Amino acid sequence: MCRNIRQLHNFEPPATPEEVQAAALQYVRKVSGSTRPSQRNQAAFDAAVAAVATATAELLDHLETAAPPKDREVEAAKARARAAQRYAS
């Protein structure tokens, strides 16, 4: 139904508002069980996405870590290598 929600904390550069919004949308889709709400439920769905995005952005702003930031390209390469190994024939 939807992609996996990806980690957004402790990356350089930091997560963009678009990434936070996409994660919120994926979360609400997963929890609601639908990728497209009915017209009757559209307002509730949109409000939930906005609330989750706001909470996520606030969380990311307040999290602290002593670990150095991760590089997006390096982490993406690791994920591709894991996928290649997992799906190798």
PDB file of N, CA and C in Angstrom:
ATOM      1  N   MET A   1       0.821  -1.197   0.000  1.00  0.00           N
ATOM      2  CA  MET A   1       0.000   0.000   0.000  1.00  0.00           C
ATOM      3  C   MET A   1       0.862   1.257   0.000  1.00  0.00           C
ATOM      4  N   CYS A   2       1.891   1.307   0.857  1.00  0.00           N
ATOM      5  CA  CYS A   2       2.710   2.512   0.891  1.00  0.00           C
ATOM      6  C   CYS A   2       4.168   2.154   1.142  1.00  0.00           C
ATOM      7  N   ARG A   3       5.010   3.099   0.821  1.00  0.00           N
ATOM      8  CA  ARG A   3       6.443   2.894   1.036  1.00  0.00           C
ATOM      9  C   ARG A   3       6.732   2.833   2.519  1.00  0.00           C
ATOM     10  N   ASN A   4       7.927   2.366   2.833  1.00  0.00           N
ATOM     11  CA  ASN A   4       8.366   2.407   4.223  1.00  0.00           C
ATOM     12  C   ASN A   4       8.628   3.849   4.623  1.00  0.00           C
ATOM     13  N   ILE A   5       8.333   4.158   5.857  1.00  0.00           N
ATOM     14  CA  ILE A   5       8.661   5.473   6.384  1.00  0.00           C
ATOM     15  C   ILE A   5      10.139   5.443   6.745  1.00  0.00           C
ATOM     16  N   ARG A   6      10.880   6.406   6.273  1.00  0.00           N
ATOM     17  CA  ARG A   6      12.321   6.419   6.465  1.00  0.00           C
ATOM     18  C   ARG A   6      12.715   7.301   7.652  1.00  0.00           C
ATOM     19  N   GLN A   7      13.872   6.981   8.213  1.00  0.00           N
ATOM     20  CA  GLN A   7      14.416   7.788   9.304  1.00  0.00           C
ATOM     21  C   GLN A   7      14.733   9.185   8.776  1.00  0.00           C
ATOM     22  N   LEU A   8      14.384  10.204   9.546  1.00  0.00           N
ATOM     23  CA  LEU A   8      14.629  11.581   9.136  1.00  0.00           C
ATOM     24  C   LEU A   8      15.604  12.300  10.066  1.00  0.00           C
ATOM     25  N   HIS A   9      15.886  11.725  11.208  1.00  0.00           N
ATOM     26  CA  HIS A   9      16.735  12.376  12.207  1.00  0.00           C
ATOM     27  C   HIS A   9      18.223  12.132  11.947  1.00  0.00           C
ATOM     28  N   ASN A  10      19.000  13.158  12.233  1.00  0.00           N
ATOM     29  CA  ASN A  10      20.460  13.106  12.222  1.00  0.00           C
ATOM     30  C   ASN A  10      21.056  12.861  10.835  1.00  0.00           C
ATOM     31  N   PHE A  11      20.556  13.598   9.866  1.00  0.00           N
ATOM     32  CA  PHE A  11      21.129  13.558   8.526  1.00  0.00           C
ATOM     33  C   PHE A  11      21.665  14.927   8.165  1.00  0.00           C
ATOM     34  N   GLU A  12      22.657  14.931   7.317  1.00  0.00           N
ATOM     35  CA  GLU A  12      23.197  16.177   6.784  1.00  0.00           C
ATOM     36  C   GLU A  12      23.040  16.141   5.284  1.00  0.00           C
ATOM     37  N   PRO A  13      22.316  17.016   4.665  1.00  0.00           N
ATOM     38  CA  PRO A  13      21.541  18.102   5.249  1.00  0.00           C
ATOM     39  C   PRO A  13      20.294  17.573   5.968  1.00  0.00           C
ATOM     40  N   PRO A  14      19.721  18.379   6.867  1.00  0.00           N
ATOM     41  CA  PRO A  14      18.547  17.945   7.627  1.00  0.00           C
ATOM     42  C   PRO A  14      17.350  17.653   6.714  1.00  0.00           C
ATOM     43  N   ALA A  15      16.383  16.957   7.278  1.00  0.00           N
ATOM     44  CA  ALA A  15      15.166  16.626   6.527  1.00  0.00           C
ATOM     45  C   ALA A  15      14.474  17.903   6.066  1.00  0.00           C
ATOM     46  N   THR A  16      13.979  17.859   4.854  1.00  0.00           N
ATOM     47  CA  THR A  16      13.270  19.006   4.303  1.00  0.00           C
ATOM     48  C   THR A  16      11.802  18.944   4.715  1.00  0.00           C
ATOM     49  N   PRO A  17      11.085  20.067   4.634  1.00  0.00           N
ATOM     50  CA  PRO A  17       9.648  20.033   4.919  1.00  0.00           C
ATOM     51  C   PRO A  17       8.898  19.047   4.010  1.00  0.00           C
ATOM     52  N   GLU A  18       9.370  18.889   2.783  1.00  0.00           N
ATOM     53  CA  GLU A  18       8.732  17.939   1.865  1.00  0.00           C
ATOM     54  C   GLU A  18       8.902  16.499   2.353  1.00  0.00           C
ATOM     55  N   GLU A  19      10.086  16.178   2.890  1.00  0.00           N
ATOM     56  CA  GLU A  19      10.314  14.835   3.426  1.00  0.00           C
ATOM     57  C   GLU A  19       9.458  14.588   4.657  1.00  0.00           C
ATOM     58  N   VAL A  20       9.323  15.586   5.505  1.00  0.00           N
ATOM     59  CA  VAL A  20       8.476  15.464   6.697  1.00  0.00           C
ATOM     60  C   VAL A  20       7.026  15.258   6.267  1.00  0.00           C
ATOM     61  N   GLN A  21       6.566  16.027   5.292  1.00  0.00           N
ATOM     62  CA  GLN A  21       5.195  15.904   4.791  1.00  0.00           C
ATOM     63  C   GLN A  21       4.956  14.520   4.182  1.00  0.00           C
ATOM     64  N   ALA A  22       5.927  14.029   3.412  1.00  0.00           N
ATOM     65  CA  ALA A  22       5.793  12.703   2.798  1.00  0.00           C
ATOM     66  C   ALA A  22       5.724  11.611   3.854  1.00  0.00           C
ATOM     67  N   ALA A  23       6.533  11.731   4.902  1.00  0.00           N
ATOM     68  CA  ALA A  23       6.496  10.746   5.986  1.00  0.00           C
ATOM     69  C   ALA A  23       5.154  10.789   6.708  1.00  0.00           C
ATOM     70  N   ALA A  24       4.641  11.989   6.934  1.00  0.00           N
ATOM     71  CA  ALA A  24       3.336  12.133   7.591  1.00  0.00           C
ATOM     72  C   ALA A  24       2.241  11.504   6.744  1.00  0.00           C
ATOM     73  N   LEU A  25       2.285  11.747   5.448  1.00  0.00           N
ATOM     74  CA  LEU A  25       1.294  11.168   4.542  1.00  0.00           C
ATOM     75  C   LEU A  25       1.358   9.650   4.570  1.00  0.00           C
ATOM     76  N   GLN A  26       2.555   9.095   4.544  1.00  0.00           N
ATOM     77  CA  GLN A  26       2.707   7.643   4.576  1.00  0.00           C
ATOM     78  C   GLN A  26       2.189   7.058   5.886  1.00  0.00           C
ATOM     79  N   TYR A  27       2.455   7.747   6.981  1.00  0.00           N
ATOM     80  CA  TYR A  27       1.981   7.290   8.280  1.00  0.00           C
ATOM     81  C   TYR A  27       0.447   7.265   8.315  1.00  0.00           C
ATOM     82  N   VAL A  28      -0.167   8.347   7.887  1.00  0.00           N
ATOM     83  CA  VAL A  28      -1.636   8.424   7.915  1.00  0.00           C
ATOM     84  C   VAL A  28      -2.243   7.396   6.962  1.00  0.00           C
ATOM     85  N   ARG A  29      -1.631   7.193   5.814  1.00  0.00           N
ATOM     86  CA  ARG A  29      -2.112   6.155   4.894  1.00  0.00           C
ATOM     87  C   ARG A  29      -2.070   4.781   5.550  1.00  0.00           C
ATOM     88  N   LYS A  30      -0.966   4.494   6.221  1.00  0.00           N
ATOM     89  CA  LYS A  30      -0.802   3.185   6.852  1.00  0.00           C
ATOM     90  C   LYS A  30      -1.826   3.002   7.974  1.00  0.00           C
ATOM     91  N   VAL A  31      -1.954   4.004   8.831  1.00  0.00           N
ATOM     92  CA  VAL A  31      -2.862   3.899   9.967  1.00  0.00           C
ATOM     93  C   VAL A  31      -4.322   3.832   9.517  1.00  0.00           C
ATOM     94  N   SER A  32      -4.674   4.620   8.506  1.00  0.00           N
ATOM     95  CA  SER A  32      -6.067   4.646   8.052  1.00  0.00           C
ATOM     96  C   SER A  32      -6.411   3.450   7.176  1.00  0.00           C
ATOM     97  N   GLY A  33      -5.406   2.834   6.586  1.00  0.00           N
ATOM     98  CA  GLY A  33      -5.654   1.683   5.730  1.00  0.00           C
ATOM     99  C   GLY A  33      -6.084   2.047   4.329  1.00  0.00           C
ATOM    100  N   SER A  34      -5.897   3.308   3.947  1.00  0.00           N
ATOM    101  CA  SER A  34      -6.272   3.686   2.585  1.00  0.00           C
ATOM    102  C   SER A  34      -5.264   4.676   2.020  1.00  0.00           C
ATOM    103  N   THR A  35      -5.020   4.558   0.729  1.00  0.00           N
ATOM    104  CA  THR A  35      -4.110   5.497   0.084  1.00  0.00           C
ATOM    105  C   THR A  35      -4.847   6.742  -0.379  1.00  0.00           C
ATOM    106  N   ARG A  36      -6.135   6.582  -0.640  1.00  0.00           N
ATOM    107  CA  ARG A  36      -6.969   7.724  -1.035  1.00  0.00           C
ATOM    108  C   ARG A  36      -8.266   7.670  -0.235  1.00  0.00           C
ATOM    109  N   PRO A  37      -8.476   8.651   0.629  1.00  0.00           N
ATOM    110  CA  PRO A  37      -9.711   8.631   1.413  1.00  0.00           C
ATOM    111  C   PRO A  37     -10.911   8.995   0.545  1.00  0.00           C
ATOM    112  N   SER A  38     -12.076   8.602   1.008  1.00  0.00           N
ATOM    113  CA  SER A  38     -13.302   8.995   0.322  1.00  0.00           C
ATOM    114  C   SER A  38     -13.497  10.497   0.494  1.00  0.00           C
ATOM    115  N   GLN A  39     -14.373  11.071  -0.322  1.00  0.00           N
ATOM    116  CA  GLN A  39     -14.641  12.505  -0.196  1.00  0.00           C
ATOM    117  C   GLN A  39     -15.139  12.849   1.206  1.00  0.00           C
ATOM    118  N   ARG A  40     -15.889  11.951   1.774  1.00  0.00           N
ATOM    119  CA  ARG A  40     -16.427  12.163   3.114  1.00  0.00           C
ATOM    120  C   ARG A  40     -15.302  12.252   4.151  1.00  0.00           C
ATOM    121  N   ASN A  41     -14.230  11.503   3.950  1.00  0.00           N
ATOM    122  CA  ASN A  41     -13.140  11.456   4.917  1.00  0.00           C
ATOM    123  C   ASN A  41     -11.942  12.333   4.555  1.00  0.00           C
ATOM    124  N   GLN A  42     -11.991  13.021   3.431  1.00  0.00           N
ATOM    125  CA  GLN A  42     -10.842  13.800   2.954  1.00  0.00           C
ATOM    126  C   GLN A  42     -10.390  14.852   3.958  1.00  0.00           C
ATOM    127  N   ALA A  43     -11.320  15.584   4.550  1.00  0.00           N
ATOM    128  CA  ALA A  43     -10.949  16.653   5.490  1.00  0.00           C
ATOM    129  C   ALA A  43     -10.248  16.077   6.723  1.00  0.00           C
ATOM    130  N   ALA A  44     -10.773  14.971   7.252  1.00  0.00           N
ATOM    131  CA  ALA A  44     -10.146  14.332   8.417  1.00  0.00           C
ATOM    132  C   ALA A  44      -8.758  13.811   8.061  1.00  0.00           C
ATOM    133  N   PHE A  45      -8.630  13.229   6.881  1.00  0.00           N
ATOM    134  CA  PHE A  45      -7.350  12.695   6.403  1.00  0.00           C
ATOM    135  C   PHE A  45      -6.330  13.824   6.286  1.00  0.00           C
ATOM    136  N   ASP A  46      -6.720  14.927   5.640  1.00  0.00           N
ATOM    137  CA  ASP A  46      -5.810  16.064   5.460  1.00  0.00           C
ATOM    138  C   ASP A  46      -5.417  16.684   6.795  1.00  0.00           C
ATOM    139  N   ALA A  47      -6.364  16.782   7.726  1.00  0.00           N
ATOM    140  CA  ALA A  47      -6.066  17.334   9.050  1.00  0.00           C
ATOM    141  C   ALA A  47      -5.078  16.432   9.796  1.00  0.00           C
ATOM    142  N   ALA A  48      -5.252  15.130   9.654  1.00  0.00           N
ATOM    143  CA  ALA A  48      -4.340  14.191  10.309  1.00  0.00           C
ATOM    144  C   ALA A  48      -2.937  14.306   9.729  1.00  0.00           C
ATOM    145  N   VAL A  49      -2.824  14.419   8.419  1.00  0.00           N
ATOM    146  CA  VAL A  49      -1.508  14.570   7.784  1.00  0.00           C
ATOM    147  C   VAL A  49      -0.836  15.853   8.283  1.00  0.00           C
ATOM    148  N   ALA A  50      -1.588  16.935   8.353  1.00  0.00           N
ATOM    149  CA  ALA A  50      -1.021  18.204   8.836  1.00  0.00           C
ATOM    150  C   ALA A  50      -0.569  18.088  10.287  1.00  0.00           C
ATOM    151  N   ALA A  51      -1.372  17.439  11.125  1.00  0.00           N
ATOM    152  CA  ALA A  51      -1.024  17.289  12.543  1.00  0.00           C
ATOM    153  C   ALA A  51       0.220  16.421  12.716  1.00  0.00           C
ATOM    154  N   VAL A  52       0.299  15.334  11.978  1.00  0.00           N
ATOM    155  CA  VAL A  52       1.462  14.447  12.071  1.00  0.00           C
ATOM    156  C   VAL A  52       2.708  15.160  11.546  1.00  0.00           C
ATOM    157  N   ALA A  53       2.583  15.913  10.466  1.00  0.00           N
ATOM    158  CA  ALA A  53       3.732  16.649   9.929  1.00  0.00           C
ATOM    159  C   ALA A  53       4.228  17.678  10.934  1.00  0.00           C
ATOM    160  N   THR A  54       3.317  18.374  11.584  1.00  0.00           N
ATOM    161  CA  THR A  54       3.695  19.366  12.593  1.00  0.00           C
ATOM    162  C   THR A  54       4.400  18.698  13.766  1.00  0.00           C
ATOM    163  N   ALA A  55       3.830  17.597  14.243  1.00  0.00           N
ATOM    164  CA  ALA A  55       4.442  16.877  15.367  1.00  0.00           C
ATOM    165  C   ALA A  55       5.816  16.327  14.985  1.00  0.00           C
ATOM    166  N   THR A  56       5.945  15.831  13.769  1.00  0.00           N
ATOM    167  CA  THR A  56       7.219  15.284  13.307  1.00  0.00           C
ATOM    168  C   THR A  56       8.277  16.376  13.216  1.00  0.00           C
ATOM    169  N   ALA A  57       7.918  17.508  12.649  1.00  0.00           N
ATOM    170  CA  ALA A  57       8.862  18.620  12.537  1.00  0.00           C
ATOM    171  C   ALA A  57       9.302  19.094  13.922  1.00  0.00           C
ATOM    172  N   GLU A  58       8.357  19.180  14.853  1.00  0.00           N
ATOM    173  CA  GLU A  58       8.683  19.598  16.216  1.00  0.00           C
ATOM    174  C   GLU A  58       9.614  18.583  16.883  1.00  0.00           C
ATOM    175  N   LEU A  59       9.319  17.309  16.698  1.00  0.00           N
ATOM    176  CA  LEU A  59      10.172  16.261  17.249  1.00  0.00           C
ATOM    177  C   LEU A  59      11.596  16.378  16.704  1.00  0.00           C
ATOM    178  N   LEU A  60      11.728  16.487  15.391  1.00  0.00           N
ATOM    179  CA  LEU A  60      13.054  16.578  14.776  1.00  0.00           C
ATOM    180  C   LEU A  60      13.818  17.813  15.252  1.00  0.00           C
ATOM    181  N   ASP A  61      13.093  18.910  15.489  1.00  0.00           N
ATOM    182  CA  ASP A  61      13.739  20.138  15.965  1.00  0.00           C
ATOM    183  C   ASP A  61      14.280  19.987  17.380  1.00  0.00           C
ATOM    184  N   HIS A  62      13.658  19.122  18.189  1.00  0.00           N
ATOM    185  CA  HIS A  62      14.033  19.009  19.590  1.00  0.00           C
ATOM    186  C   HIS A  62      14.943  17.826  19.909  1.00  0.00           C
ATOM    187  N   LEU A  63      15.103  16.894  18.985  1.00  0.00           N
ATOM    188  CA  LEU A  63      15.964  15.742  19.248  1.00  0.00           C
ATOM    189  C   LEU A  63      17.426  16.177  19.279  1.00  0.00           C
ATOM    190  N   GLU A  64      18.175  15.585  20.199  1.00  0.00           N
ATOM    191  CA  GLU A  64      19.610  15.859  20.301  1.00  0.00           C
ATOM    192  C   GLU A  64      20.359  14.536  20.226  1.00  0.00           C
ATOM    193  N   THR A  65      21.560  14.590  19.686  1.00  0.00           N
ATOM    194  CA  THR A  65      22.390  13.391  19.605  1.00  0.00           C
ATOM    195  C   THR A  65      23.858  13.789  19.648  1.00  0.00           C
ATOM    196  N   ALA A  66      24.664  12.880  20.163  1.00  0.00           N
ATOM    197  CA  ALA A  66      26.106  13.103  20.167  1.00  0.00           C
ATOM    198  C   ALA A  66      26.753  12.477  18.933  1.00  0.00           C
ATOM    199  N   ALA A  67      25.989  11.672  18.208  1.00  0.00           N
ATOM    200  CA  ALA A  67      26.511  11.001  17.015  1.00  0.00           C
ATOM    201  C   ALA A  67      26.682  12.010  15.882  1.00  0.00           C
ATOM    202  N   PRO A  68      27.683  11.806  15.055  1.00  0.00           N
ATOM    203  CA  PRO A  68      27.845  12.696  13.905  1.00  0.00           C
ATOM    204  C   PRO A  68      26.707  12.472  12.908  1.00  0.00           C
ATOM    205  N   PRO A  69      26.328  13.515  12.159  1.00  0.00           N
ATOM    206  CA  PRO A  69      25.250  13.357  11.182  1.00  0.00           C
ATOM    207  C   PRO A  69      25.609  12.329  10.114  1.00  0.00           C
ATOM    208  N   LYS A  70      24.602  11.623   9.652  1.00  0.00           N
ATOM    209  CA  LYS A  70      24.797  10.632   8.591  1.00  0.00           C
ATOM    210  C   LYS A  70      24.736  11.326   7.238  1.00  0.00           C
ATOM    211  N   ASP A  71      25.460  10.769   6.293  1.00  0.00           N
ATOM    212  CA  ASP A  71      25.453  11.274   4.925  1.00  0.00           C
ATOM    213  C   ASP A  71      24.364  10.542   4.147  1.00  0.00           C
ATOM    214  N   ARG A  72      23.486  11.277   3.522  1.00  0.00           N
ATOM    215  CA  ARG A  72      22.353  10.675   2.802  1.00  0.00           C
ATOM    216  C   ARG A  72      22.798   9.731   1.696  1.00  0.00           C
ATOM    217  N   GLU A  73      23.828  10.128   0.961  1.00  0.00           N
ATOM    218  CA  GLU A  73      24.293   9.301  -0.157  1.00  0.00           C
ATOM    219  C   GLU A  73      24.900   7.988   0.335  1.00  0.00           C
ATOM    220  N   VAL A  74      25.653   8.053   1.416  1.00  0.00           N
ATOM    221  CA  VAL A  74      26.261   6.841   1.972  1.00  0.00           C
ATOM    222  C   VAL A  74      25.177   5.899   2.470  1.00  0.00           C
ATOM    223  N   GLU A  75      24.187   6.433   3.177  1.00  0.00           N
ATOM    224  CA  GLU A  75      23.094   5.601   3.696  1.00  0.00           C
ATOM    225  C   GLU A  75      22.262   5.010   2.554  1.00  0.00           C
ATOM    226  N   ALA A  76      22.049   5.780   1.492  1.00  0.00           N
ATOM    227  CA  ALA A  76      21.307   5.271   0.332  1.00  0.00           C
ATOM    228  C   ALA A  76      22.082   4.136  -0.336  1.00  0.00           C
ATOM    229  N   ALA A  77      23.394   4.280  -0.434  1.00  0.00           N
ATOM    230  CA  ALA A  77      24.220   3.217  -1.028  1.00  0.00           C
ATOM    231  C   ALA A  77      24.159   1.951  -0.186  1.00  0.00           C
ATOM    232  N   LYS A  78      24.189   2.094   1.129  1.00  0.00           N
ATOM    233  CA  LYS A  78      24.067   0.931   2.021  1.00  0.00           C
ATOM    234  C   LYS A  78      22.712   0.239   1.808  1.00  0.00           C
ATOM    235  N   ALA A  79      21.653   1.023   1.696  1.00  0.00           N
ATOM    236  CA  ALA A  79      20.322   0.452   1.496  1.00  0.00           C
ATOM    237  C   ALA A  79      20.241  -0.282   0.158  1.00  0.00           C
ATOM    238  N   ARG A  80      20.837   0.293  -0.880  1.00  0.00           N
ATOM    239  CA  ARG A  80      20.837  -0.383  -2.184  1.00  0.00           C
ATOM    240  C   ARG A  80      21.600  -1.695  -2.116  1.00  0.00           C
ATOM    241  N   ALA A  81      22.729  -1.706  -1.401  1.00  0.00           N
ATOM    242  CA  ALA A  81      23.516  -2.932  -1.265  1.00  0.00           C
ATOM    243  C   ALA A  81      22.731  -3.996  -0.504  1.00  0.00           C
ATOM    244  N   ARG A  82      22.026  -3.590   0.568  1.00  0.00           N
ATOM    245  CA  ARG A  82      21.202  -4.557   1.307  1.00  0.00           C
ATOM    246  C   ARG A  82      20.094  -5.110   0.433  1.00  0.00           C
ATOM    247  N   ALA A  83      19.464  -4.249  -0.360  1.00  0.00           N
ATOM    248  CA  ALA A  83      18.385  -4.688  -1.250  1.00  0.00           C
ATOM    249  C   ALA A  83      18.912  -5.626  -2.309  1.00  0.00           C
ATOM    250  N   ALA A  84      20.078  -5.308  -2.866  1.00  0.00           N
ATOM    251  CA  ALA A  84      20.654  -6.190  -3.891  1.00  0.00           C
ATOM    252  C   ALA A  84      20.966  -7.566  -3.320  1.00  0.00           C
ATOM    253  N   GLN A  85      21.466  -7.592  -2.108  1.00  0.00           N
ATOM    254  CA  GLN A  85      21.761  -8.871  -1.468  1.00  0.00           C
ATOM    255  C   GLN A  85      20.483  -9.623  -1.142  1.00  0.00           C
ATOM    256  N   ARG A  86      19.478  -8.918  -0.667  1.00  0.00           N
ATOM    257  CA  ARG A  86      18.212  -9.546  -0.299  1.00  0.00           C
ATOM    258  C   ARG A  86      17.498 -10.151  -1.503  1.00  0.00           C
ATOM    259  N   TYR A  87      17.546  -9.450  -2.633  1.00  0.00           N
ATOM    260  CA  TYR A  87      16.796  -9.882  -3.805  1.00  0.00           C
ATOM    261  C   TYR A  87      17.644 -10.587  -4.850  1.00  0.00           C
ATOM    262  N   ALA A  88      18.880 -10.908  -4.499  1.00  0.00           N
ATOM    263  CA  ALA A  88      19.747 -11.623  -5.435  1.00  0.00           C
ATOM    264  C   ALA A  88      19.185 -13.023  -5.710  1.00  0.00           C
ATOM    265  N   SER A  89      19.258 -13.451  -6.936  1.00  0.00           N
ATOM    266  CA  SER A  89      18.719 -14.768  -7.307  1.00  0.00           C
ATOM    267  C   SER A  89      19.737 -15.846  -7.113  1.00  0.00           C
TER     268      SER A  89
END
